[in-house]
Amino acid sequence: MDDKAFQSWLDEAVKGIVFRPDRAAVRQELADHLEDKSRDLARIFPNMTPQEAEERTLEQMGDPAEIGRQLARIHRPWLGWLWRVSQLLLAAALLWAALLLADYSGYRLWPEQAADSQWTAEQRAEFSQHRPLVCLAEQTVGQYTLRVRSGELWSDPVRGSQAVYLRLEVRADRPWAELNQAVWDRLYAVDDRGNTIPAQKEGTAPAVAWEQAGTGGPFRSRIDLVVPLPDPATAGVTLTYDWLGAELALPISWKEGAV
């Protein structure tokens, strides 16, 4: 609608509506009504000129200032903002539901991480032989559940060295309750032969090397662990954390898997 009289009438009628989305919607609705009414007059009175039809339409619509005051009382700005906030809350609720669903197996919104990180590949390259392991371990400690997802036995006959690689998954009850990294920094192991890895002495760093390998959703984190094995007959270790009175002991046993 390009007629200046109609545009001026619309401007006056909606200027009291503070919430801009409401103002635009009401203006469009009034404009459609003006056009419909003008066309009806032109059809009923064929001899009426377009200008006369427009003038008659505006007369029948009434005083735009009075209509504007009534519209302003109906379209309060807080109602518009309440509508917008409800949209945001709904979007947040849908996002939260998606995060919750992402934690269920079979309905992941995040793809699986690559099996080997750059750090893991570098650690693995130090050993000439790599044998897949079938690992058995899952334990709940407080609000955390720790489970071994995969493992390999690494060895180098020339150097006489051996290590076990473990991909550990940590699940938390709440997405913001990720296990503190200080746990991994002070983690050590005891093998099934009674050897402590390493022998714990004041000021020594644990021999268990680790790196965070990614996440599987808001409730899951994955840790790559490399544990050196002093005894070639070792078939299991217990990952241990006992710093400042907190205790974690995760027994892990394994057997060789198919190549």
C-alpha atoms as a PDB file:
ATOM      1  CA  MET A   1       0.000   0.000   0.000  1.00  0.00           C
ATOM      2  CA  ASP A   2       1.655   3.215  -1.238  1.00  0.00           C
ATOM      3  CA  ASP A   3      -1.078   5.852  -0.636  1.00  0.00           C
ATOM      4  CA  LYS A   4       0.246   8.551   1.676  1.00  0.00           C
ATOM      5  CA  ALA A   5      -3.072   9.013   3.469  1.00  0.00           C
ATOM      6  CA  PHE A   6      -3.242   5.323   4.335  1.00  0.00           C
ATOM      7  CA  GLN A   7       0.427   5.275   5.403  1.00  0.00           C
ATOM      8  CA  SER A   8      -0.040   8.323   7.622  1.00  0.00           C
ATOM      9  CA  TRP A   9      -3.125   6.765   9.220  1.00  0.00           C
ATOM     10  CA  LEU A  10      -1.220   3.522   9.902  1.00  0.00           C
ATOM     11  CA  ASP A  11       1.766   5.365  11.389  1.00  0.00           C
ATOM     12  CA  GLU A  12      -0.514   7.183  13.837  1.00  0.00           C
ATOM     13  CA  ALA A  13      -2.465   4.035  14.739  1.00  0.00           C
ATOM     14  CA  VAL A  14       0.540   1.904  15.688  1.00  0.00           C
ATOM     15  CA  LYS A  15       3.041   4.407  17.071  1.00  0.00           C
ATOM     16  CA  GLY A  16       1.998   3.680  20.669  1.00  0.00           C
ATOM     17  CA  ILE A  17       2.916  -0.028  20.409  1.00  0.00           C
ATOM     18  CA  VAL A  18       6.387  -0.199  21.978  1.00  0.00           C
ATOM     19  CA  PHE A  19       7.249  -3.825  21.209  1.00  0.00           C
ATOM     20  CA  ARG A  20       8.509  -3.682  17.622  1.00  0.00           C
ATOM     21  CA  PRO A  21       7.483  -7.192  16.454  1.00  0.00           C
ATOM     22  CA  ASP A  22       3.925  -6.486  17.660  1.00  0.00           C
ATOM     23  CA  ARG A  23       3.941  -3.094  15.983  1.00  0.00           C
ATOM     24  CA  ALA A  24       4.947  -4.577  12.620  1.00  0.00           C
ATOM     25  CA  ALA A  25       2.358  -7.357  12.851  1.00  0.00           C
ATOM     26  CA  VAL A  26      -0.490  -5.008  13.841  1.00  0.00           C
ATOM     27  CA  ARG A  27       0.461  -2.529  11.122  1.00  0.00           C
ATOM     28  CA  GLN A  28       0.310  -5.253   8.479  1.00  0.00           C
ATOM     29  CA  GLU A  29      -3.045  -6.471   9.767  1.00  0.00           C
ATOM     30  CA  LEU A  30      -4.506  -2.954   9.680  1.00  0.00           C
ATOM     31  CA  ALA A  31      -3.092  -2.351   6.196  1.00  0.00           C
ATOM     32  CA  ASP A  32      -4.745  -5.529   4.908  1.00  0.00           C
ATOM     33  CA  HIS A  33      -8.014  -4.433   6.484  1.00  0.00           C
ATOM     34  CA  LEU A  34      -7.814  -0.993   4.841  1.00  0.00           C
ATOM     35  CA  GLU A  35      -7.188  -2.529   1.432  1.00  0.00           C
ATOM     36  CA  ASP A  36     -10.066  -4.998   1.796  1.00  0.00           C
ATOM     37  CA  LYS A  37     -12.457  -2.249   2.875  1.00  0.00           C
ATOM     38  CA  SER A  38     -11.395   0.049   0.020  1.00  0.00           C
ATOM     39  CA  ARG A  39     -11.903  -2.732  -2.555  1.00  0.00           C
ATOM     40  CA  ASP A  40     -15.343  -3.503  -1.124  1.00  0.00           C
ATOM     41  CA  LEU A  41     -16.415   0.140  -1.477  1.00  0.00           C
ATOM     42  CA  ALA A  42     -15.121   0.256  -5.066  1.00  0.00           C
ATOM     43  CA  ARG A  43     -17.091  -2.899  -5.902  1.00  0.00           C
ATOM     44  CA  ILE A  44     -20.315  -1.726  -4.243  1.00  0.00           C
ATOM     45  CA  PHE A  45     -20.077   1.794  -5.710  1.00  0.00           C
ATOM     46  CA  PRO A  46     -18.554   1.449  -9.209  1.00  0.00           C
ATOM     47  CA  ASN A  47     -18.764   5.191  -9.859  1.00  0.00           C
ATOM     48  CA  MET A  48     -16.680   6.012  -6.763  1.00  0.00           C
ATOM     49  CA  THR A  49     -13.132   7.125  -7.577  1.00  0.00           C
ATOM     50  CA  PRO A  50     -10.179   5.380  -5.841  1.00  0.00           C
ATOM     51  CA  GLN A  51      -9.467   8.550  -3.858  1.00  0.00           C
ATOM     52  CA  GLU A  52     -13.079   8.732  -2.637  1.00  0.00           C
ATOM     53  CA  ALA A  53     -12.961   5.039  -1.684  1.00  0.00           C
ATOM     54  CA  GLU A  54      -9.815   5.641   0.358  1.00  0.00           C
ATOM     55  CA  GLU A  55     -11.278   8.696   2.083  1.00  0.00           C
ATOM     56  CA  ARG A  56     -14.504   6.811   2.920  1.00  0.00           C
ATOM     57  CA  THR A  57     -12.425   3.873   4.238  1.00  0.00           C
ATOM     58  CA  LEU A  58     -10.442   6.093   6.593  1.00  0.00           C
ATOM     59  CA  GLU A  59     -13.628   7.788   7.824  1.00  0.00           C
ATOM     60  CA  GLN A  60     -15.197   4.431   8.657  1.00  0.00           C
ATOM     61  CA  MET A  61     -12.038   3.200  10.395  1.00  0.00           C
ATOM     62  CA  GLY A  62     -12.157   6.112  12.828  1.00  0.00           C
ATOM     63  CA  ASP A  63      -9.647   8.300  14.619  1.00  0.00           C
ATOM     64  CA  PRO A  64      -6.171   6.658  14.377  1.00  0.00           C
ATOM     65  CA  ALA A  65      -5.037   8.317  17.627  1.00  0.00           C
ATOM     66  CA  GLU A  66      -7.902   6.746  19.583  1.00  0.00           C
ATOM     67  CA  ILE A  67      -7.358   3.390  17.927  1.00  0.00           C
ATOM     68  CA  GLY A  68      -3.651   3.711  18.737  1.00  0.00           C
ATOM     69  CA  ARG A  69      -4.384   4.251  22.448  1.00  0.00           C
ATOM     70  CA  GLN A  70      -6.551   1.125  22.526  1.00  0.00           C
ATOM     71  CA  LEU A  71      -3.926  -0.914  20.739  1.00  0.00           C
ATOM     72  CA  ALA A  72      -1.205   0.310  23.099  1.00  0.00           C
ATOM     73  CA  ARG A  73      -3.245  -0.888  26.083  1.00  0.00           C
ATOM     74  CA  ILE A  74      -3.623  -4.330  24.508  1.00  0.00           C
ATOM     75  CA  HIS A  75      -0.053  -4.741  23.276  1.00  0.00           C
ATOM     76  CA  ARG A  76       1.965  -4.047  26.417  1.00  0.00           C
ATOM     77  CA  PRO A  77       5.739  -4.330  25.918  1.00  0.00           C
ATOM     78  CA  TRP A  78       6.167  -6.737  28.852  1.00  0.00           C
ATOM     79  CA  LEU A  79       3.832  -9.194  27.122  1.00  0.00           C
ATOM     80  CA  GLY A  80       6.030  -9.109  24.045  1.00  0.00           C
ATOM     81  CA  TRP A  81       9.190  -9.605  26.052  1.00  0.00           C
ATOM     82  CA  LEU A  82       7.514 -12.414  28.003  1.00  0.00           C
ATOM     83  CA  TRP A  83       6.793 -14.095  24.682  1.00  0.00           C
ATOM     84  CA  ARG A  84      10.419 -13.678  23.590  1.00  0.00           C
ATOM     85  CA  VAL A  85      11.745 -15.010  26.906  1.00  0.00           C
ATOM     86  CA  SER A  86       9.435 -18.021  26.632  1.00  0.00           C
ATOM     87  CA  GLN A  87      10.918 -18.725  23.191  1.00  0.00           C
ATOM     88  CA  LEU A  88      14.439 -18.577  24.612  1.00  0.00           C
ATOM     89  CA  LEU A  89      13.484 -20.857  27.503  1.00  0.00           C
ATOM     90  CA  LEU A  90      11.950 -23.331  25.090  1.00  0.00           C
ATOM     91  CA  ALA A  91      15.108 -23.306  22.969  1.00  0.00           C
ATOM     92  CA  ALA A  92      17.228 -23.848  26.094  1.00  0.00           C
ATOM     93  CA  ALA A  93      14.982 -26.738  27.184  1.00  0.00           C
ATOM     94  CA  LEU A  94      15.288 -28.372  23.752  1.00  0.00           C
ATOM     95  CA  LEU A  95      19.072 -27.966  23.844  1.00  0.00           C
ATOM     96  CA  TRP A  96      19.224 -29.491  27.324  1.00  0.00           C
ATOM     97  CA  ALA A  97      17.076 -32.411  26.155  1.00  0.00           C
ATOM     98  CA  ALA A  98      19.465 -32.907  23.240  1.00  0.00           C
ATOM     99  CA  LEU A  99      22.416 -32.978  25.636  1.00  0.00           C
ATOM    100  CA  LEU A 100      20.650 -35.546  27.780  1.00  0.00           C
ATOM    101  CA  LEU A 101      19.864 -37.706  24.756  1.00  0.00           C
ATOM    102  CA  ALA A 102      23.466 -37.429  23.620  1.00  0.00           C
ATOM    103  CA  ASP A 103      24.512 -39.476  26.640  1.00  0.00           C
ATOM    104  CA  TYR A 104      22.439 -42.523  25.724  1.00  0.00           C
ATOM    105  CA  SER A 105      24.225 -45.191  23.729  1.00  0.00           C
ATOM    106  CA  GLY A 106      22.838 -45.462  20.232  1.00  0.00           C
ATOM    107  CA  TYR A 107      21.718 -41.811  20.211  1.00  0.00           C
ATOM    108  CA  ARG A 108      24.933 -39.829  20.116  1.00  0.00           C
ATOM    109  CA  LEU A 109      24.961 -36.307  18.760  1.00  0.00           C
ATOM    110  CA  TRP A 110      28.752 -36.325  18.768  1.00  0.00           C
ATOM    111  CA  PRO A 111      30.728 -38.674  16.502  1.00  0.00           C
ATOM    112  CA  GLU A 112      33.163 -41.115  18.052  1.00  0.00           C
ATOM    113  CA  GLN A 113      36.665 -39.724  18.478  1.00  0.00           C
ATOM    114  CA  ALA A 114      39.452 -41.202  16.388  1.00  0.00           C
ATOM    115  CA  ALA A 115      40.981 -44.277  17.994  1.00  0.00           C
ATOM    116  CA  ASP A 116      44.444 -42.712  18.216  1.00  0.00           C
ATOM    117  CA  SER A 117      45.356 -39.163  19.106  1.00  0.00           C
ATOM    118  CA  GLN A 118      48.661 -37.651  18.025  1.00  0.00           C
ATOM    119  CA  TRP A 119      50.010 -38.182  21.524  1.00  0.00           C
ATOM    120  CA  THR A 120      48.912 -41.829  21.535  1.00  0.00           C
ATOM    121  CA  ALA A 121      50.465 -42.416  18.115  1.00  0.00           C
ATOM    122  CA  GLU A 122      53.783 -41.009  19.337  1.00  0.00           C
ATOM    123  CA  GLN A 123      53.707 -43.213  22.435  1.00  0.00           C
ATOM    124  CA  ARG A 124      52.800 -46.263  20.353  1.00  0.00           C
ATOM    125  CA  ALA A 125      55.651 -45.677  17.889  1.00  0.00           C
ATOM    126  CA  GLU A 126      58.191 -46.270  20.671  1.00  0.00           C
ATOM    127  CA  PHE A 127      57.257 -49.986  20.695  1.00  0.00           C
ATOM    128  CA  SER A 128      57.788 -52.382  17.795  1.00  0.00           C
ATOM    129  CA  GLN A 129      54.998 -54.830  18.640  1.00  0.00           C
ATOM    130  CA  HIS A 130      51.330 -54.096  19.347  1.00  0.00           C
ATOM    131  CA  ARG A 131      48.756 -56.695  20.331  1.00  0.00           C
ATOM    132  CA  PRO A 132      45.072 -55.939  20.879  1.00  0.00           C
ATOM    133  CA  LEU A 133      43.645 -56.691  24.310  1.00  0.00           C
ATOM    134  CA  VAL A 134      40.194 -57.542  25.577  1.00  0.00           C
ATOM    135  CA  CYS A 135      39.999 -55.535  28.792  1.00  0.00           C
ATOM    136  CA  LEU A 136      37.596 -56.090  31.648  1.00  0.00           C
ATOM    137  CA  ALA A 137      36.981 -53.197  34.024  1.00  0.00           C
ATOM    138  CA  GLU A 138      34.096 -51.040  35.180  1.00  0.00           C
ATOM    139  CA  GLN A 139      33.592 -49.428  38.552  1.00  0.00           C
ATOM    140  CA  THR A 140      31.477 -46.657  40.059  1.00  0.00           C
ATOM    141  CA  VAL A 141      33.235 -44.369  42.521  1.00  0.00           C
ATOM    142  CA  GLY A 142      30.932 -41.744  44.014  1.00  0.00           C
ATOM    143  CA  GLN A 143      29.319 -39.855  41.137  1.00  0.00           C
ATOM    144  CA  TYR A 144      31.745 -41.244  38.533  1.00  0.00           C
ATOM    145  CA  THR A 145      31.718 -44.470  36.536  1.00  0.00           C
ATOM    146  CA  LEU A 146      35.013 -45.572  35.018  1.00  0.00           C
ATOM    147  CA  ARG A 147      35.101 -48.139  32.215  1.00  0.00           C
ATOM    148  CA  VAL A 148      37.855 -49.400  29.941  1.00  0.00           C
ATOM    149  CA  ARG A 149      36.749 -49.184  26.298  1.00  0.00           C
ATOM    150  CA  SER A 150      39.805 -50.716  24.604  1.00  0.00           C
ATOM    151  CA  GLY A 151      43.448 -51.604  25.097  1.00  0.00           C
ATOM    152  CA  GLU A 152      46.684 -52.816  23.515  1.00  0.00           C
ATOM    153  CA  LEU A 153      49.806 -54.524  24.797  1.00  0.00           C
ATOM    154  CA  TRP A 154      52.907 -52.761  23.531  1.00  0.00           C
ATOM    155  CA  SER A 155      56.344 -54.359  23.656  1.00  0.00           C
ATOM    156  CA  ASP A 156      59.866 -53.950  22.313  1.00  0.00           C
ATOM    157  CA  PRO A 157      61.927 -57.168  22.598  1.00  0.00           C
ATOM    158  CA  VAL A 158      65.178 -55.373  21.769  1.00  0.00           C
ATOM    159  CA  ARG A 159      64.898 -52.963  24.658  1.00  0.00           C
ATOM    160  CA  GLY A 160      63.033 -55.418  26.831  1.00  0.00           C
ATOM    161  CA  SER A 161      60.285 -52.881  27.527  1.00  0.00           C
ATOM    162  CA  GLN A 162      56.546 -53.434  27.757  1.00  0.00           C
ATOM    163  CA  ALA A 163      53.507 -51.232  28.415  1.00  0.00           C
ATOM    164  CA  VAL A 164      49.745 -51.474  28.354  1.00  0.00           C
ATOM    165  CA  TYR A 165      47.682 -48.842  26.557  1.00  0.00           C
ATOM    166  CA  LEU A 166      44.165 -48.258  27.892  1.00  0.00           C
ATOM    167  CA  ARG A 167      41.325 -46.068  26.580  1.00  0.00           C
ATOM    168  CA  LEU A 168      39.375 -45.180  29.731  1.00  0.00           C
ATOM    169  CA  GLU A 169      35.898 -43.636  29.675  1.00  0.00           C
ATOM    170  CA  VAL A 170      34.730 -41.559  32.642  1.00  0.00           C
ATOM    171  CA  ARG A 171      30.986 -40.912  32.998  1.00  0.00           C
ATOM    172  CA  ALA A 172      29.677 -38.288  35.422  1.00  0.00           C
ATOM    173  CA  ASP A 173      26.195 -37.772  36.846  1.00  0.00           C
ATOM    174  CA  ARG A 174      26.229 -34.125  35.778  1.00  0.00           C
ATOM    175  CA  PRO A 175      27.917 -32.485  32.758  1.00  0.00           C
ATOM    176  CA  TRP A 176      29.730 -29.910  34.911  1.00  0.00           C
ATOM    177  CA  ALA A 177      31.161 -32.549  37.301  1.00  0.00           C
ATOM    178  CA  GLU A 178      34.139 -33.600  35.171  1.00  0.00           C
ATOM    179  CA  LEU A 179      36.742 -35.544  37.112  1.00  0.00           C
ATOM    180  CA  ASN A 180      39.562 -33.266  38.258  1.00  0.00           C
ATOM    181  CA  GLN A 181      42.753 -33.615  36.219  1.00  0.00           C
ATOM    182  CA  ALA A 182      44.752 -33.757  39.446  1.00  0.00           C
ATOM    183  CA  VAL A 183      43.492 -37.332  39.776  1.00  0.00           C
ATOM    184  CA  TRP A 184      45.316 -38.361  36.600  1.00  0.00           C
ATOM    185  CA  ASP A 185      48.433 -36.422  37.561  1.00  0.00           C
ATOM    186  CA  ARG A 186      48.791 -38.479  40.765  1.00  0.00           C
ATOM    187  CA  LEU A 187      47.583 -41.804  39.424  1.00  0.00           C
ATOM    188  CA  TYR A 188      49.791 -44.862  39.826  1.00  0.00           C
ATOM    189  CA  ALA A 189      49.318 -48.588  39.253  1.00  0.00           C
ATOM    190  CA  VAL A 190      49.926 -51.885  41.032  1.00  0.00           C
ATOM    191  CA  ASP A 191      50.265 -54.943  38.784  1.00  0.00           C
ATOM    192  CA  ASP A 192      48.947 -58.425  39.557  1.00  0.00           C
ATOM    193  CA  ARG A 193      52.469 -59.459  40.622  1.00  0.00           C
ATOM    194  CA  GLY A 194      52.497 -56.909  43.406  1.00  0.00           C
ATOM    195  CA  ASN A 195      54.773 -54.409  41.663  1.00  0.00           C
ATOM    196  CA  THR A 196      53.984 -50.749  42.282  1.00  0.00           C
ATOM    197  CA  ILE A 197      54.348 -48.618  39.163  1.00  0.00           C
ATOM    198  CA  PRO A 198      56.306 -46.643  40.047  1.00  0.00           C
ATOM    199  CA  ALA A 199      57.605 -47.195  43.562  1.00  0.00           C
ATOM    200  CA  GLN A 200      55.958 -44.265  45.339  1.00  0.00           C
ATOM    201  CA  LYS A 201      58.483 -41.924  46.891  1.00  0.00           C
ATOM    202  CA  GLU A 202      58.120 -38.344  47.990  1.00  0.00           C
ATOM    203  CA  GLY A 203      58.666 -36.033  45.036  1.00  0.00           C
ATOM    204  CA  THR A 204      58.600 -38.716  42.316  1.00  0.00           C
ATOM    205  CA  ALA A 205      56.222 -38.419  39.388  1.00  0.00           C
ATOM    206  CA  PRO A 206      53.940 -41.386  38.633  1.00  0.00           C
ATOM    207  CA  ALA A 207      54.981 -43.425  35.612  1.00  0.00           C
ATOM    208  CA  VAL A 208      51.423 -43.616  34.298  1.00  0.00           C
ATOM    209  CA  ALA A 209      51.272 -41.270  31.293  1.00  0.00           C
ATOM    210  CA  TRP A 210      47.929 -39.912  30.113  1.00  0.00           C
ATOM    211  CA  GLU A 211      46.169 -37.507  27.807  1.00  0.00           C
ATOM    212  CA  GLN A 212      42.521 -36.534  27.483  1.00  0.00           C
ATOM    213  CA  ALA A 213      41.333 -38.094  24.240  1.00  0.00           C
ATOM    214  CA  GLY A 214      38.034 -36.262  23.793  1.00  0.00           C
ATOM    215  CA  THR A 215      34.417 -36.457  24.858  1.00  0.00           C
ATOM    216  CA  GLY A 216      31.421 -38.596  23.919  1.00  0.00           C
ATOM    217  CA  GLY A 217      28.781 -36.090  25.016  1.00  0.00           C
ATOM    218  CA  PRO A 218      28.331 -33.752  28.002  1.00  0.00           C
ATOM    219  CA  PHE A 219      28.570 -36.587  30.547  1.00  0.00           C
ATOM    220  CA  ARG A 220      31.532 -38.522  29.145  1.00  0.00           C
ATOM    221  CA  SER A 221      35.250 -37.903  28.802  1.00  0.00           C
ATOM    222  CA  ARG A 222      37.884 -40.249  27.443  1.00  0.00           C
ATOM    223  CA  ILE A 223      41.396 -40.653  28.790  1.00  0.00           C
ATOM    224  CA  ASP A 224      44.315 -42.434  27.098  1.00  0.00           C
ATOM    225  CA  LEU A 225      46.605 -44.136  29.622  1.00  0.00           C
ATOM    226  CA  VAL A 226      49.998 -45.779  29.063  1.00  0.00           C
ATOM    227  CA  VAL A 227      51.227 -47.931  31.967  1.00  0.00           C
ATOM    228  CA  PRO A 228      54.766 -49.425  31.827  1.00  0.00           C
ATOM    229  CA  LEU A 229      54.874 -53.089  32.904  1.00  0.00           C
ATOM    230  CA  PRO A 230      58.003 -54.297  34.742  1.00  0.00           C
ATOM    231  CA  ASP A 231      56.975 -57.972  34.553  1.00  0.00           C
ATOM    232  CA  PRO A 232      56.272 -59.578  31.137  1.00  0.00           C
ATOM    233  CA  ALA A 233      53.842 -62.037  32.749  1.00  0.00           C
ATOM    234  CA  THR A 234      51.565 -59.246  33.991  1.00  0.00           C
ATOM    235  CA  ALA A 235      47.901 -59.766  33.046  1.00  0.00           C
ATOM    236  CA  GLY A 236      46.302 -56.973  35.031  1.00  0.00           C
ATOM    237  CA  VAL A 237      46.850 -53.770  36.991  1.00  0.00           C
ATOM    238  CA  THR A 238      44.944 -51.728  39.549  1.00  0.00           C
ATOM    239  CA  LEU A 239      44.849 -48.023  38.802  1.00  0.00           C
ATOM    240  CA  THR A 240      45.154 -46.265  42.143  1.00  0.00           C
ATOM    241  CA  TYR A 241      44.672 -42.744  43.485  1.00  0.00           C
ATOM    242  CA  ASP A 242      44.996 -42.114  47.210  1.00  0.00           C
ATOM    243  CA  TRP A 243      45.901 -38.457  47.550  1.00  0.00           C
ATOM    244  CA  LEU A 244      44.721 -36.401  50.533  1.00  0.00           C
ATOM    245  CA  GLY A 245      42.334 -39.036  51.826  1.00  0.00           C
ATOM    246  CA  ALA A 246      40.455 -39.563  48.543  1.00  0.00           C
ATOM    247  CA  GLU A 247      40.588 -43.092  47.202  1.00  0.00           C
ATOM    248  CA  LEU A 248      40.138 -44.631  43.777  1.00  0.00           C
ATOM    249  CA  ALA A 249      41.059 -48.217  42.891  1.00  0.00           C
ATOM    250  CA  LEU A 250      40.127 -49.631  39.485  1.00  0.00           C
ATOM    251  CA  PRO A 251      41.243 -53.246  38.919  1.00  0.00           C
ATOM    252  CA  ILE A 252      41.813 -53.996  35.227  1.00  0.00           C
ATOM    253  CA  SER A 253      42.469 -57.451  33.834  1.00  0.00           C
ATOM    254  CA  TRP A 254      42.975 -58.398  30.226  1.00  0.00           C
ATOM    255  CA  LYS A 255      43.568 -61.122  27.705  1.00  0.00           C
ATOM    256  CA  GLU A 256      44.848 -60.961  24.176  1.00  0.00           C
ATOM    257  CA  GLY A 257      42.220 -60.323  21.531  1.00  0.00           C
ATOM    258  CA  ALA A 258      41.988 -61.202  17.834  1.00  0.00           C
ATOM    259  CA  VAL A 259      44.453 -59.466  15.562  1.00  0.00           C
END
